[in-house]
C-alpha atoms as a PDB file:
ATOM      1  CA  MET A   1       0.000   0.000   0.000  1.00  0.00           C
ATOM      2  CA  GLY A   2       1.801   3.137  -1.214  1.00  0.00           C
ATOM      3  CA  SER A   3       0.871   6.567  -2.556  1.00  0.00           C
ATOM      4  CA  CYS A   4      -1.362   4.938  -5.172  1.00  0.00           C
ATOM      5  CA  ALA A   5      -3.757   4.058  -2.358  1.00  0.00           C
ATOM      6  CA  VAL A   6      -5.045   7.649  -2.427  1.00  0.00           C
ATOM      7  CA  ALA A   7      -6.332   7.153  -5.971  1.00  0.00           C
ATOM      8  CA  VAL A   8      -8.589   4.249  -5.075  1.00  0.00           C
ATOM      9  CA  LEU A   9     -10.468   6.105  -2.353  1.00  0.00           C
ATOM     10  CA  PRO A  10     -13.881   7.358  -3.558  1.00  0.00           C
ATOM     11  CA  ARG A  11     -13.746  10.940  -4.715  1.00  0.00           C
ATOM     12  CA  LEU A  12     -16.938  11.624  -2.810  1.00  0.00           C
ATOM     13  CA  ARG A  13     -15.100  10.976   0.425  1.00  0.00           C
ATOM     14  CA  PHE A  14     -12.739  13.879  -0.232  1.00  0.00           C
ATOM     15  CA  GLU A  15     -15.606  16.112  -1.351  1.00  0.00           C
ATOM     16  CA  ARG A  16     -17.501  15.469   1.886  1.00  0.00           C
ATOM     17  CA  LEU A  17     -14.396  16.130   3.909  1.00  0.00           C
ATOM     18  CA  TRP A  18     -13.932  19.445   2.116  1.00  0.00           C
ATOM     19  CA  GLU A  19     -17.590  20.415   2.383  1.00  0.00           C
ATOM     20  CA  ASN A  20     -17.466  19.836   6.132  1.00  0.00           C
ATOM     21  CA  ARG A  21     -14.229  21.716   6.477  1.00  0.00           C
ATOM     22  CA  GLY A  22     -13.657  23.263   9.814  1.00  0.00           C
ATOM     23  CA  PRO A  23     -10.987  22.448  12.360  1.00  0.00           C
ATOM     24  CA  VAL A  24     -11.881  18.774  12.420  1.00  0.00           C
ATOM     25  CA  GLY A  25     -12.448  18.440   8.688  1.00  0.00           C
ATOM     26  CA  ILE A  26      -9.205  20.191   7.787  1.00  0.00           C
ATOM     27  CA  LEU A  27      -7.352  18.072  10.327  1.00  0.00           C
ATOM     28  CA  ARG A  28      -8.701  14.938   8.657  1.00  0.00           C
ATOM     29  CA  ILE A  29      -7.593  16.169   5.230  1.00  0.00           C
ATOM     30  CA  VAL A  30      -4.101  16.998   6.489  1.00  0.00           C
ATOM     31  CA  CYS A  31      -3.670  13.770   8.449  1.00  0.00           C
ATOM     32  CA  LEU A  32      -4.943  11.348   5.790  1.00  0.00           C
ATOM     33  CA  PRO A  33      -1.809  11.443   3.581  1.00  0.00           C
ATOM     34  CA  CYS A  34       0.375  11.110   6.685  1.00  0.00           C
ATOM     35  CA  ALA A  35      -1.566   8.039   7.735  1.00  0.00           C
ATOM     36  CA  LEU A  36      -1.158   6.522   4.276  1.00  0.00           C
ATOM     37  CA  VAL A  37       2.591   7.169   4.305  1.00  0.00           C
ATOM     38  CA  ALA A  38       2.855   5.677   7.797  1.00  0.00           C
ATOM     39  CA  ALA A  39       0.990   2.590   6.620  1.00  0.00           C
ATOM     40  CA  ALA A  40       3.349   2.241   3.652  1.00  0.00           C
ATOM     41  CA  CYS A  41       6.392   2.596   5.923  1.00  0.00           C
ATOM     42  CA  SER A  42       4.937   0.029   8.291  1.00  0.00           C
ATOM     43  CA  THR A  43       4.432  -2.412   5.413  1.00  0.00           C
ATOM     44  CA  GLN A  44       8.013  -1.879   4.218  1.00  0.00           C
ATOM     45  CA  GLU A  45       9.352  -2.466   7.713  1.00  0.00           C
ATOM     46  CA  LEU A  46       7.326  -5.682   8.015  1.00  0.00           C
ATOM     47  CA  ALA A  47       8.737  -6.861   4.678  1.00  0.00           C
ATOM     48  CA  ARG A  48      12.264  -6.042   5.843  1.00  0.00           C
ATOM     49  CA  GLU A  49      11.820  -7.922   9.117  1.00  0.00           C
ATOM     50  CA  HIS A  50      10.370 -10.915   7.291  1.00  0.00           C
ATOM     51  CA  THR A  51      13.375 -10.920   4.927  1.00  0.00           C
ATOM     52  CA  LEU A  52      15.837 -10.738   7.823  1.00  0.00           C
ATOM     53  CA  ASP A  53      14.038 -13.582   9.608  1.00  0.00           C
ATOM     54  CA  ILE A  54      14.579 -15.711   6.497  1.00  0.00           C
ATOM     55  CA  VAL A  55      18.295 -14.804   6.482  1.00  0.00           C
ATOM     56  CA  ARG A  56      18.605 -15.747  10.167  1.00  0.00           C
ATOM     57  CA  ASN A  57      16.927 -19.089   9.537  1.00  0.00           C
ATOM     58  CA  VAL A  58      19.146 -19.813   6.525  1.00  0.00           C
ATOM     59  CA  ASN A  59      22.241 -18.989   8.583  1.00  0.00           C
ATOM     60  CA  ARG A  60      21.028 -21.302  11.335  1.00  0.00           C
ATOM     61  CA  ALA A  61      20.305 -24.110   8.870  1.00  0.00           C
ATOM     62  CA  PHE A  62      23.827 -23.819   7.413  1.00  0.00           C
ATOM     63  CA  SER A  63      25.488 -23.816  10.817  1.00  0.00           C
ATOM     64  CA  ARG A  64      23.642 -27.034  11.732  1.00  0.00           C
ATOM     65  CA  GLU A  65      24.461 -28.930   8.516  1.00  0.00           C
ATOM     66  CA  THR A  66      26.634 -32.026   8.875  1.00  0.00           C
ATOM     67  CA  ASP A  67      26.932 -33.028   5.189  1.00  0.00           C
ATOM     68  CA  LEU A  68      29.973 -31.169   3.857  1.00  0.00           C
ATOM     69  CA  ALA A  69      29.221 -31.978   0.209  1.00  0.00           C
ATOM     70  CA  LEU A  70      25.698 -30.577   0.552  1.00  0.00           C
ATOM     71  CA  ALA A  71      26.969 -27.436   2.275  1.00  0.00           C
ATOM     72  CA  LYS A  72      29.629 -26.906  -0.398  1.00  0.00           C
ATOM     73  CA  ALA A  73      27.044 -27.175  -3.186  1.00  0.00           C
ATOM     74  CA  ALA A  74      24.563 -24.850  -1.459  1.00  0.00           C
ATOM     75  CA  PHE A  75      26.965 -22.108  -0.367  1.00  0.00           C
ATOM     76  CA  PRO A  76      27.387 -20.178  -3.662  1.00  0.00           C
ATOM     77  CA  ALA A  77      23.648 -19.788  -4.343  1.00  0.00           C
ATOM     78  CA  SER A  78      23.024 -18.686  -0.766  1.00  0.00           C
ATOM     79  CA  LEU A  79      25.771 -16.052  -0.983  1.00  0.00           C
ATOM     80  CA  LYS A  80      24.450 -14.669  -4.268  1.00  0.00           C
ATOM     81  CA  GLN A  81      20.909 -14.493  -2.874  1.00  0.00           C
ATOM     82  CA  MET A  82      22.170 -12.491   0.108  1.00  0.00           C
ATOM     83  CA  GLU A  83      24.024 -10.169  -2.253  1.00  0.00           C
ATOM     84  CA  GLY A  84      20.736  -9.612  -4.056  1.00  0.00           C
ATOM     85  CA  LEU A  85      19.022  -8.782  -0.769  1.00  0.00           C
ATOM     86  CA  LEU A  86      21.843  -6.393   0.059  1.00  0.00           C
ATOM     87  CA  GLU A  87      20.914  -4.412  -3.066  1.00  0.00           C
ATOM     88  CA  MET A  88      17.564  -3.769  -1.368  1.00  0.00           C
ATOM     89  CA  TYR A  89      19.016  -3.101   2.095  1.00  0.00           C
ATOM     90  CA  PRO A  90      22.593  -1.849   1.510  1.00  0.00           C
ATOM     91  CA  ARG A  91      23.190  -0.784   5.118  1.00  0.00           C
ATOM     92  CA  GLU A  92      21.705  -3.812   6.844  1.00  0.00           C
ATOM     93  CA  PRO A  93      24.217  -5.146   9.442  1.00  0.00           C
ATOM     94  CA  LEU A  94      22.817  -8.690   9.409  1.00  0.00           C
ATOM     95  CA  LEU A  95      23.336  -9.047   5.656  1.00  0.00           C
ATOM     96  CA  LEU A  96      26.824  -7.534   5.753  1.00  0.00           C
ATOM     97  CA  THR A  97      27.797  -9.823   8.645  1.00  0.00           C
ATOM     98  CA  SER A  98      26.314 -12.884   6.941  1.00  0.00           C
ATOM     99  CA  LEU A  99      28.193 -12.174   3.706  1.00  0.00           C
ATOM    100  CA  ALA A 100      31.518 -11.589   5.472  1.00  0.00           C
ATOM    101  CA  ARG A 101      31.081 -14.804   7.472  1.00  0.00           C
ATOM    102  CA  GLY A 102      29.796 -16.700   4.443  1.00  0.00           C
ATOM    103  CA  TYR A 103      32.653 -15.863   2.087  1.00  0.00           C
ATOM    104  CA  LEU A 104      35.194 -16.532   4.822  1.00  0.00           C
ATOM    105  CA  SER A 105      33.660 -19.920   5.682  1.00  0.00           C
ATOM    106  CA  TYR A 106      33.281 -21.048   2.079  1.00  0.00           C
ATOM    107  CA  ALA A 107      36.849 -20.054   1.181  1.00  0.00           C
ATOM    108  CA  PHE A 108      38.358 -21.594   4.289  1.00  0.00           C
ATOM    109  CA  MET A 109      36.499 -24.915   4.259  1.00  0.00           C
ATOM    110  CA  PHE A 110      36.228 -25.635   0.553  1.00  0.00           C
ATOM    111  CA  VAL A 111      39.066 -23.778  -1.180  1.00  0.00           C
ATOM    112  CA  ASP A 112      41.943 -22.910   1.139  1.00  0.00           C
ATOM    113  CA  VAL A 113      42.314 -25.775   3.620  1.00  0.00           C
ATOM    114  CA  PRO A 114      41.992 -28.488   0.927  1.00  0.00           C
ATOM    115  CA  ARG A 115      44.956 -26.784  -0.770  1.00  0.00           C
ATOM    116  CA  THR A 116      47.144 -27.371   2.283  1.00  0.00           C
ATOM    117  CA  MET A 117      45.618 -30.634   3.488  1.00  0.00           C
ATOM    118  CA  PHE A 118      45.875 -32.781   0.371  1.00  0.00           C
ATOM    119  CA  LYS A 119      48.727 -33.376  -2.033  1.00  0.00           C
ATOM    120  CA  PHE A 120      47.673 -32.050  -5.412  1.00  0.00           C
ATOM    121  CA  ALA A 121      48.840 -33.490  -8.710  1.00  0.00           C
ATOM    122  CA  ASN A 122      50.732 -30.296  -9.520  1.00  0.00           C
ATOM    123  CA  GLU A 123      51.691 -26.930  -8.070  1.00  0.00           C
ATOM    124  CA  PHE A 124      49.567 -25.122 -10.651  1.00  0.00           C
ATOM    125  CA  GLU A 125      46.323 -26.387  -9.114  1.00  0.00           C
ATOM    126  CA  ALA A 126      47.524 -25.471  -5.629  1.00  0.00           C
ATOM    127  CA  ALA A 127      48.407 -21.959  -6.828  1.00  0.00           C
ATOM    128  CA  GLN A 128      44.982 -21.566  -8.429  1.00  0.00           C
ATOM    129  CA  ARG A 129      43.283 -22.542  -5.186  1.00  0.00           C
ATOM    130  CA  ARG A 130      45.466 -20.139  -3.221  1.00  0.00           C
ATOM    131  CA  GLU A 131      44.591 -17.245  -5.544  1.00  0.00           C
ATOM    132  CA  ARG A 132      40.896 -18.083  -5.436  1.00  0.00           C
ATOM    133  CA  ALA A 133      40.926 -18.338  -1.651  1.00  0.00           C
ATOM    134  CA  TYR A 134      42.602 -14.924  -1.455  1.00  0.00           C
ATOM    135  CA  GLU A 135      39.952 -13.337  -3.705  1.00  0.00           C
ATOM    136  CA  LEU A 136      37.091 -14.863  -1.702  1.00  0.00           C
ATOM    137  CA  TYR A 137      38.585 -13.767   1.609  1.00  0.00           C
ATOM    138  CA  MET A 138      38.996 -10.237   0.262  1.00  0.00           C
ATOM    139  CA  ARG A 139      35.408 -10.212  -0.941  1.00  0.00           C
ATOM    140  CA  GLY A 140      34.360 -11.065   2.610  1.00  0.00           C
ATOM    141  CA  ARG A 141      36.687  -8.300   3.876  1.00  0.00           C
ATOM    142  CA  GLY A 142      34.883  -5.828   1.613  1.00  0.00           C
ATOM    143  CA  TYR A 143      31.537  -6.591   3.245  1.00  0.00           C
ATOM    144  CA  ALA A 144      33.134  -6.517   6.700  1.00  0.00           C
ATOM    145  CA  LEU A 145      34.601  -3.076   5.992  1.00  0.00           C
ATOM    146  CA  ARG A 146      31.162  -1.812   5.002  1.00  0.00           C
ATOM    147  CA  LEU A 147      29.863  -3.161   8.300  1.00  0.00           C
ATOM    148  CA  LEU A 148      32.729  -1.487  10.175  1.00  0.00           C
ATOM    149  CA  ALA A 149      32.072   1.832   8.416  1.00  0.00           C
ATOM    150  CA  LEU A 150      28.494   1.940   9.723  1.00  0.00           C
ATOM    151  CA  ARG A 151      29.722   2.616  13.264  1.00  0.00           C
ATOM    152  CA  ASP A 152      33.426   3.444  12.918  1.00  0.00           C
ATOM    153  CA  PRO A 153      34.022   5.226   9.599  1.00  0.00           C
ATOM    154  CA  GLY A 154      37.403   6.553  10.787  1.00  0.00           C
ATOM    155  CA  ILE A 155      38.725   3.054  11.513  1.00  0.00           C
ATOM    156  CA  ALA A 156      37.362   1.769   8.205  1.00  0.00           C
ATOM    157  CA  GLU A 157      39.119   4.588   6.321  1.00  0.00           C
ATOM    158  CA  SER A 158      42.402   3.809   8.081  1.00  0.00           C
ATOM    159  CA  VAL A 159      42.131   0.111   7.233  1.00  0.00           C
ATOM    160  CA  GLU A 160      41.342   0.816   3.583  1.00  0.00           C
ATOM    161  CA  ALA A 161      44.386   3.080   3.443  1.00  0.00           C
ATOM    162  CA  ALA A 162      46.531   0.334   5.042  1.00  0.00           C
ATOM    163  CA  ARG A 163      47.173   2.422   8.169  1.00  0.00           C
ATOM    164  CA  ILE A 164      46.985   1.291  11.773  1.00  0.00           C
ATOM    165  CA  PRO A 165      43.947   3.009  13.337  1.00  0.00           C
ATOM    166  CA  SER A 166      44.923   5.586  15.931  1.00  0.00           C
ATOM    167  CA  LYS A 167      44.688   4.834  19.636  1.00  0.00           C
ATOM    168  CA  GLU A 168      41.903   7.414  19.872  1.00  0.00           C
ATOM    169  CA  GLN A 169      39.897   5.736  17.097  1.00  0.00           C
ATOM    170  CA  LEU A 170      40.235   2.297  18.681  1.00  0.00           C
ATOM    171  CA  ALA A 171      39.447   3.615  22.172  1.00  0.00           C
ATOM    172  CA  ALA A 172      36.244   5.194  20.819  1.00  0.00           C
ATOM    173  CA  ALA A 173      35.049   1.841  19.461  1.00  0.00           C
ATOM    174  CA  GLY A 174      32.473   0.312  21.809  1.00  0.00           C
ATOM    175  CA  PRO A 175      30.757  -3.080  22.167  1.00  0.00           C
ATOM    176  CA  ASP A 176      28.571  -2.444  19.095  1.00  0.00           C
ATOM    177  CA  SER A 177      31.751  -2.088  17.025  1.00  0.00           C
ATOM    178  CA  VAL A 178      32.870  -5.665  17.687  1.00  0.00           C
ATOM    179  CA  PRO A 179      31.217  -7.330  14.640  1.00  0.00           C
ATOM    180  CA  GLY A 180      32.786  -4.877  12.190  1.00  0.00           C
ATOM    181  CA  LEU A 181      36.202  -5.061  13.850  1.00  0.00           C
ATOM    182  CA  TYR A 182      36.143  -8.847  14.155  1.00  0.00           C
ATOM    183  CA  TRP A 183      34.990  -9.790  10.660  1.00  0.00           C
ATOM    184  CA  THR A 184      37.341  -7.273   9.041  1.00  0.00           C
ATOM    185  CA  ALA A 185      40.258  -8.727  11.002  1.00  0.00           C
ATOM    186  CA  ARG A 186      39.178 -12.317  10.408  1.00  0.00           C
ATOM    187  CA  CYS A 187      38.699 -12.030   6.638  1.00  0.00           C
ATOM    188  CA  TRP A 188      41.807  -9.925   6.098  1.00  0.00           C
ATOM    189  CA  GLY A 189      43.937 -12.136   8.320  1.00  0.00           C
ATOM    190  CA  ALA A 190      42.866 -15.210   6.348  1.00  0.00           C
ATOM    191  CA  ALA A 191      43.678 -13.454   3.058  1.00  0.00           C
ATOM    192  CA  LEU A 192      47.134 -12.424   4.276  1.00  0.00           C
ATOM    193  CA  ALA A 193      47.878 -16.012   5.311  1.00  0.00           C
ATOM    194  CA  THR A 194      47.717 -17.049   1.636  1.00  0.00           C
ATOM    195  CA  LEU A 195      50.454 -14.574   0.613  1.00  0.00           C
ATOM    196  CA  PRO A 196      54.250 -14.922   0.752  1.00  0.00           C
ATOM    197  CA  ARG A 197      55.834 -13.023   3.625  1.00  0.00           C
ATOM    198  CA  SER A 198      56.823  -9.457   2.668  1.00  0.00           C
ATOM    199  CA  PRO A 199      57.148  -6.060   4.373  1.00  0.00           C
ATOM    200  CA  GLU A 200      53.657  -5.146   3.145  1.00  0.00           C
ATOM    201  CA  VAL A 201      52.145  -8.348   4.566  1.00  0.00           C
ATOM    202  CA  VAL A 202      53.904  -7.784   7.913  1.00  0.00           C
ATOM    203  CA  ARG A 203      52.494  -4.235   7.998  1.00  0.00           C
ATOM    204  CA  ASP A 204      48.985  -5.450   7.228  1.00  0.00           C
ATOM    205  CA  VAL A 205      49.178  -8.193   9.858  1.00  0.00           C
ATOM    206  CA  THR A 206      50.043  -5.471  12.376  1.00  0.00           C
ATOM    207  CA  ILE A 207      46.825  -3.664  11.421  1.00  0.00           C
ATOM    208  CA  VAL A 208      44.838  -6.882  11.815  1.00  0.00           C
ATOM    209  CA  ARG A 209      46.388  -7.414  15.258  1.00  0.00           C
ATOM    210  CA  SER A 210      45.320  -3.923  16.354  1.00  0.00           C
ATOM    211  CA  LEU A 211      41.712  -4.641  15.362  1.00  0.00           C
ATOM    212  CA  VAL A 212      41.515  -8.027  17.050  1.00  0.00           C
ATOM    213  CA  THR A 213      43.232  -6.751  20.208  1.00  0.00           C
ATOM    214  CA  ARG A 214      40.461  -4.173  20.577  1.00  0.00           C
ATOM    215  CA  CYS A 215      37.883  -6.912  19.924  1.00  0.00           C
ATOM    216  CA  VAL A 216      39.251  -9.046  22.738  1.00  0.00           C
ATOM    217  CA  ALA A 217      39.184  -6.080  25.103  1.00  0.00           C
ATOM    218  CA  LEU A 218      35.550  -5.342  24.225  1.00  0.00           C
ATOM    219  CA  ASN A 219      34.104  -8.863  24.022  1.00  0.00           C
ATOM    220  CA  GLU A 220      36.339 -11.929  23.939  1.00  0.00           C
ATOM    221  CA  ARG A 221      33.245 -14.176  23.863  1.00  0.00           C
ATOM    222  CA  TYR A 222      31.859 -12.864  20.562  1.00  0.00           C
ATOM    223  CA  GLU A 223      31.211 -15.498  17.862  1.00  0.00           C
ATOM    224  CA  HIS A 224      32.190 -18.454  20.080  1.00  0.00           C
ATOM    225  CA  ALA A 225      35.299 -16.698  21.458  1.00  0.00           C
ATOM    226  CA  GLY A 226      36.339 -15.885  17.880  1.00  0.00           C
ATOM    227  CA  PRO A 227      38.492 -12.834  18.799  1.00  0.00           C
ATOM    228  CA  LEU A 228      40.587 -14.955  21.184  1.00  0.00           C
ATOM    229  CA  VAL A 229      41.021 -17.721  18.603  1.00  0.00           C
ATOM    230  CA  LEU A 230      42.124 -15.231  15.944  1.00  0.00           C
ATOM    231  CA  GLN A 231      44.501 -13.568  18.379  1.00  0.00           C
ATOM    232  CA  ALA A 232      46.001 -16.965  19.267  1.00  0.00           C
ATOM    233  CA  ALA A 233      46.424 -17.895  15.582  1.00  0.00           C
ATOM    234  CA  LEU A 234      48.238 -14.602  14.952  1.00  0.00           C
ATOM    235  CA  ASP A 235      50.471 -15.138  18.005  1.00  0.00           C
ATOM    236  CA  ALA A 236      51.430 -18.579  16.680  1.00  0.00           C
ATOM    237  CA  VAL A 237      52.949 -17.081  13.515  1.00  0.00           C
ATOM    238  CA  THR A 238      54.419 -13.974  15.166  1.00  0.00           C
ATOM    239  CA  PRO A 239      57.911 -14.133  16.693  1.00  0.00           C
ATOM    240  CA  GLN A 240      58.193 -13.576  20.431  1.00  0.00           C
ATOM    241  CA  VAL A 241      60.310 -10.445  19.887  1.00  0.00           C
ATOM    242  CA  MET A 242      57.347  -8.951  17.977  1.00  0.00           C
ATOM    243  CA  GLY A 243      54.821  -9.697  20.721  1.00  0.00           C
ATOM    244  CA  GLY A 244      53.745 -13.205  19.730  1.00  0.00           C
ATOM    245  CA  GLY A 245      55.071 -16.689  20.313  1.00  0.00           C
ATOM    246  CA  VAL A 246      53.815 -20.247  20.786  1.00  0.00           C
ATOM    247  CA  GLU A 247      53.441 -20.025  24.568  1.00  0.00           C
ATOM    248  CA  LEU A 248      51.264 -16.932  24.293  1.00  0.00           C
ATOM    249  CA  ALA A 249      49.222 -18.660  21.582  1.00  0.00           C
ATOM    250  CA  ARG A 250      48.836 -21.667  23.872  1.00  0.00           C
ATOM    251  CA  ALA A 251      47.447 -19.574  26.719  1.00  0.00           C
ATOM    252  CA  ARG A 252      44.948 -17.841  24.471  1.00  0.00           C
ATOM    253  CA  TYR A 253      43.830 -21.012  22.708  1.00  0.00           C
ATOM    254  CA  GLU A 254      43.280 -22.698  26.070  1.00  0.00           C
ATOM    255  CA  ARG A 255      41.238 -19.726  27.289  1.00  0.00           C
ATOM    256  CA  ALA A 256      39.103 -19.883  24.124  1.00  0.00           C
ATOM    257  CA  ILE A 257      38.580 -23.647  24.470  1.00  0.00           C
ATOM    258  CA  GLU A 258      37.518 -23.096  28.084  1.00  0.00           C
ATOM    259  CA  LEU A 259      34.985 -20.451  27.068  1.00  0.00           C
ATOM    260  CA  GLN A 260      33.668 -22.783  24.346  1.00  0.00           C
ATOM    261  CA  GLY A 261      33.323 -25.664  26.780  1.00  0.00           C
ATOM    262  CA  GLY A 262      35.462 -27.756  24.428  1.00  0.00           C
ATOM    263  CA  ARG A 263      32.548 -28.007  21.981  1.00  0.00           C
ATOM    264  CA  ASN A 264      34.233 -26.086  19.139  1.00  0.00           C
ATOM    265  CA  LEU A 265      36.289 -28.790  17.444  1.00  0.00           C
ATOM    266  CA  LEU A 266      37.768 -26.397  14.908  1.00  0.00           C
ATOM    267  CA  THR A 267      39.552 -24.454  17.657  1.00  0.00           C
ATOM    268  CA  ARG A 268      40.942 -27.717  19.011  1.00  0.00           C
ATOM    269  CA  VAL A 269      42.368 -28.686  15.593  1.00  0.00           C
ATOM    270  CA  MET A 270      43.975 -25.247  15.282  1.00  0.00           C
ATOM    271  CA  TYR A 271      45.426 -25.641  18.777  1.00  0.00           C
ATOM    272  CA  ALA A 272      46.952 -28.991  17.805  1.00  0.00           C
ATOM    273  CA  ARG A 273      48.428 -27.514  14.617  1.00  0.00           C
ATOM    274  CA  ASP A 274      49.641 -24.184  16.013  1.00  0.00           C
ATOM    275  CA  VAL A 275      50.776 -25.247  19.492  1.00  0.00           C
ATOM    276  CA  LEU A 276      51.373 -28.979  19.832  1.00  0.00           C
ATOM    277  CA  VAL A 277      53.239 -29.381  16.540  1.00  0.00           C
ATOM    278  CA  PRO A 278      55.827 -26.602  17.049  1.00  0.00           C
ATOM    279  CA  LEU A 279      56.337 -27.671  20.676  1.00  0.00           C
ATOM    280  CA  GLY A 280      57.088 -31.219  19.526  1.00  0.00           C
ATOM    281  CA  GLU A 281      54.280 -32.796  21.568  1.00  0.00           C
ATOM    282  CA  ASP A 282      53.660 -35.483  18.938  1.00  0.00           C
ATOM    283  CA  GLU A 283      51.911 -38.003  21.168  1.00  0.00           C
ATOM    284  CA  LEU A 284      49.481 -35.415  22.530  1.00  0.00           C
ATOM    285  CA  TYR A 285      48.944 -34.123  18.976  1.00  0.00           C
ATOM    286  CA  VAL A 286      47.815 -37.535  17.702  1.00  0.00           C
ATOM    287  CA  GLN A 287      45.751 -38.176  20.823  1.00  0.00           C
ATOM    288  CA  SER A 288      43.973 -34.822  20.457  1.00  0.00           C
ATOM    289  CA  LEU A 289      43.139 -35.389  16.798  1.00  0.00           C
ATOM    290  CA  ASN A 290      41.731 -38.850  17.551  1.00  0.00           C
ATOM    291  CA  GLU A 291      39.561 -37.372  20.305  1.00  0.00           C
ATOM    292  CA  ILE A 292      38.273 -34.763  17.863  1.00  0.00           C
ATOM    293  CA  LYS A 293      37.392 -37.505  15.350  1.00  0.00           C
ATOM    294  CA  ARG A 294      35.394 -39.395  17.991  1.00  0.00           C
ATOM    295  CA  ALA A 295      33.517 -36.336  19.294  1.00  0.00           C
ATOM    296  CA  ASN A 296      29.844 -35.646  18.588  1.00  0.00           C
ATOM    297  CA  PRO A 297      29.833 -32.766  16.056  1.00  0.00           C
ATOM    298  CA  THR A 298      26.270 -31.768  16.924  1.00  0.00           C
ATOM    299  CA  GLU A 299      26.865 -31.338  20.655  1.00  0.00           C
ATOM    300  CA  GLY A 300      26.902 -27.605  19.986  1.00  0.00           C
ATOM    301  CA  ALA A 301      24.044 -27.434  17.447  1.00  0.00           C
ATOM    302  CA  ASP A 302      25.125 -24.141  15.862  1.00  0.00           C
ATOM    303  CA  LEU A 303      28.668 -25.480  15.478  1.00  0.00           C
ATOM    304  CA  ALA A 304      27.709 -28.653  13.614  1.00  0.00           C
ATOM    305  CA  LEU A 305      29.068 -27.582  10.197  1.00  0.00           C
ATOM    306  CA  ALA A 306      32.325 -26.223  11.629  1.00  0.00           C
ATOM    307  CA  ASN A 307      32.725 -29.323  13.802  1.00  0.00           C
ATOM    308  CA  THR A 308      32.099 -31.726  10.928  1.00  0.00           C
ATOM    309  CA  PHE A 309      34.679 -29.874   8.862  1.00  0.00           C
ATOM    310  CA  ALA A 310      37.097 -29.964  11.819  1.00  0.00           C
ATOM    311  CA  GLN A 311      36.758 -33.738  12.022  1.00  0.00           C
ATOM    312  CA  ASP A 312      37.505 -34.008   8.303  1.00  0.00           C
ATOM    313  CA  TRP A 313      40.523 -31.729   8.779  1.00  0.00           C
ATOM    314  CA  ALA A 314      41.732 -33.802  11.734  1.00  0.00           C
ATOM    315  CA  SER A 315      41.468 -36.936   9.586  1.00  0.00           C
ATOM    316  CA  GLY A 316      43.669 -35.285   6.963  1.00  0.00           C
ATOM    317  CA  HIS A 317      46.331 -34.448   9.548  1.00  0.00           C
ATOM    318  CA  LEU A 318      46.239 -37.984  10.912  1.00  0.00           C
ATOM    319  CA  LEU A 319      46.547 -39.428   7.413  1.00  0.00           C
ATOM    320  CA  ASP A 320      49.668 -37.329   6.866  1.00  0.00           C
ATOM    321  CA  TYR A 321      51.021 -38.547  10.198  1.00  0.00           C
ATOM    322  CA  HIS A 322      50.497 -42.231   9.399  1.00  0.00           C
ATOM    323  CA  MET A 323      51.867 -41.894   5.860  1.00  0.00           C
ATOM    324  CA  GLN A 324      54.982 -40.049   7.051  1.00  0.00           C
ATOM    325  CA  GLY A 325      55.381 -41.976  10.290  1.00  0.00           C
ATOM    326  CA  LYS A 326      55.745 -38.652  12.102  1.00  0.00           C
ATOM    327  CA  VAL A 327      54.097 -35.278  12.608  1.00  0.00           C
ATOM    328  CA  VAL A 328      54.555 -33.094   9.523  1.00  0.00           C
ATOM    329  CA  ARG A 329      55.979 -29.747  10.621  1.00  0.00           C
END
């Protein structure tokens, strides 16, 4: 019901209103268009809420899927549908968050990790997967930056210009800034991990660390302790002299696993890879991966897809171990 609704009202109705003009009659004439506009706005808001409810349900259905092949086949269409919805609601945080998370998850589970987990027939295929993973991660980063710009345009501008946000900008970011900060850091960090080490990559990792450090300070529990897990993963690849190190990564991973109640199997695989392998704890590494394989992936319902993938990833690591007769470092 929009402005065209005025045309379908009987003309006589307006004539009678005008004939009986006086304070009340004039008030009715003035208020009628306002009421029609309000009704139209109400209808649009209902349509928006209905659309967002569908997006929430789709996100929930994906997170609870345990068939990796089905999830892989369904992901692209779901992402394109959300991009279509974003054309209608370009500043909608739920859609921007869902797209950042979606592109990150699809790239990580179905493009990037298979590149490192399995031995491909040639380096060309591995390079193609690496380039595609990078592009998908950066697409997710683009949506995350748009989300970040809704609340913290100054930080978003600094990130786009490859500058570390100022202390004042980061201090001004509050709890509502966490999604934008986290998904920007998560997508960009994943993209940087596909690139050869260079001064530019080191600089960009420093920017990512500044974002995730603020996230942890604001809400370390967000997205299943995601800020802590990302911080731990960055510590694992950062030398101790630069503020990282395996022992620091260990402490942060263990804190994240505690907050997750041990139900997030993906964090436990990352812990085994990033902490147990470099520390040479081979026996504990194999034991941990076997425990992950035996776990119930649906114990945390909204982690079912990530957990199923984690079990597949753990199987790949164990296969490497048995084929090599040792932990592959």
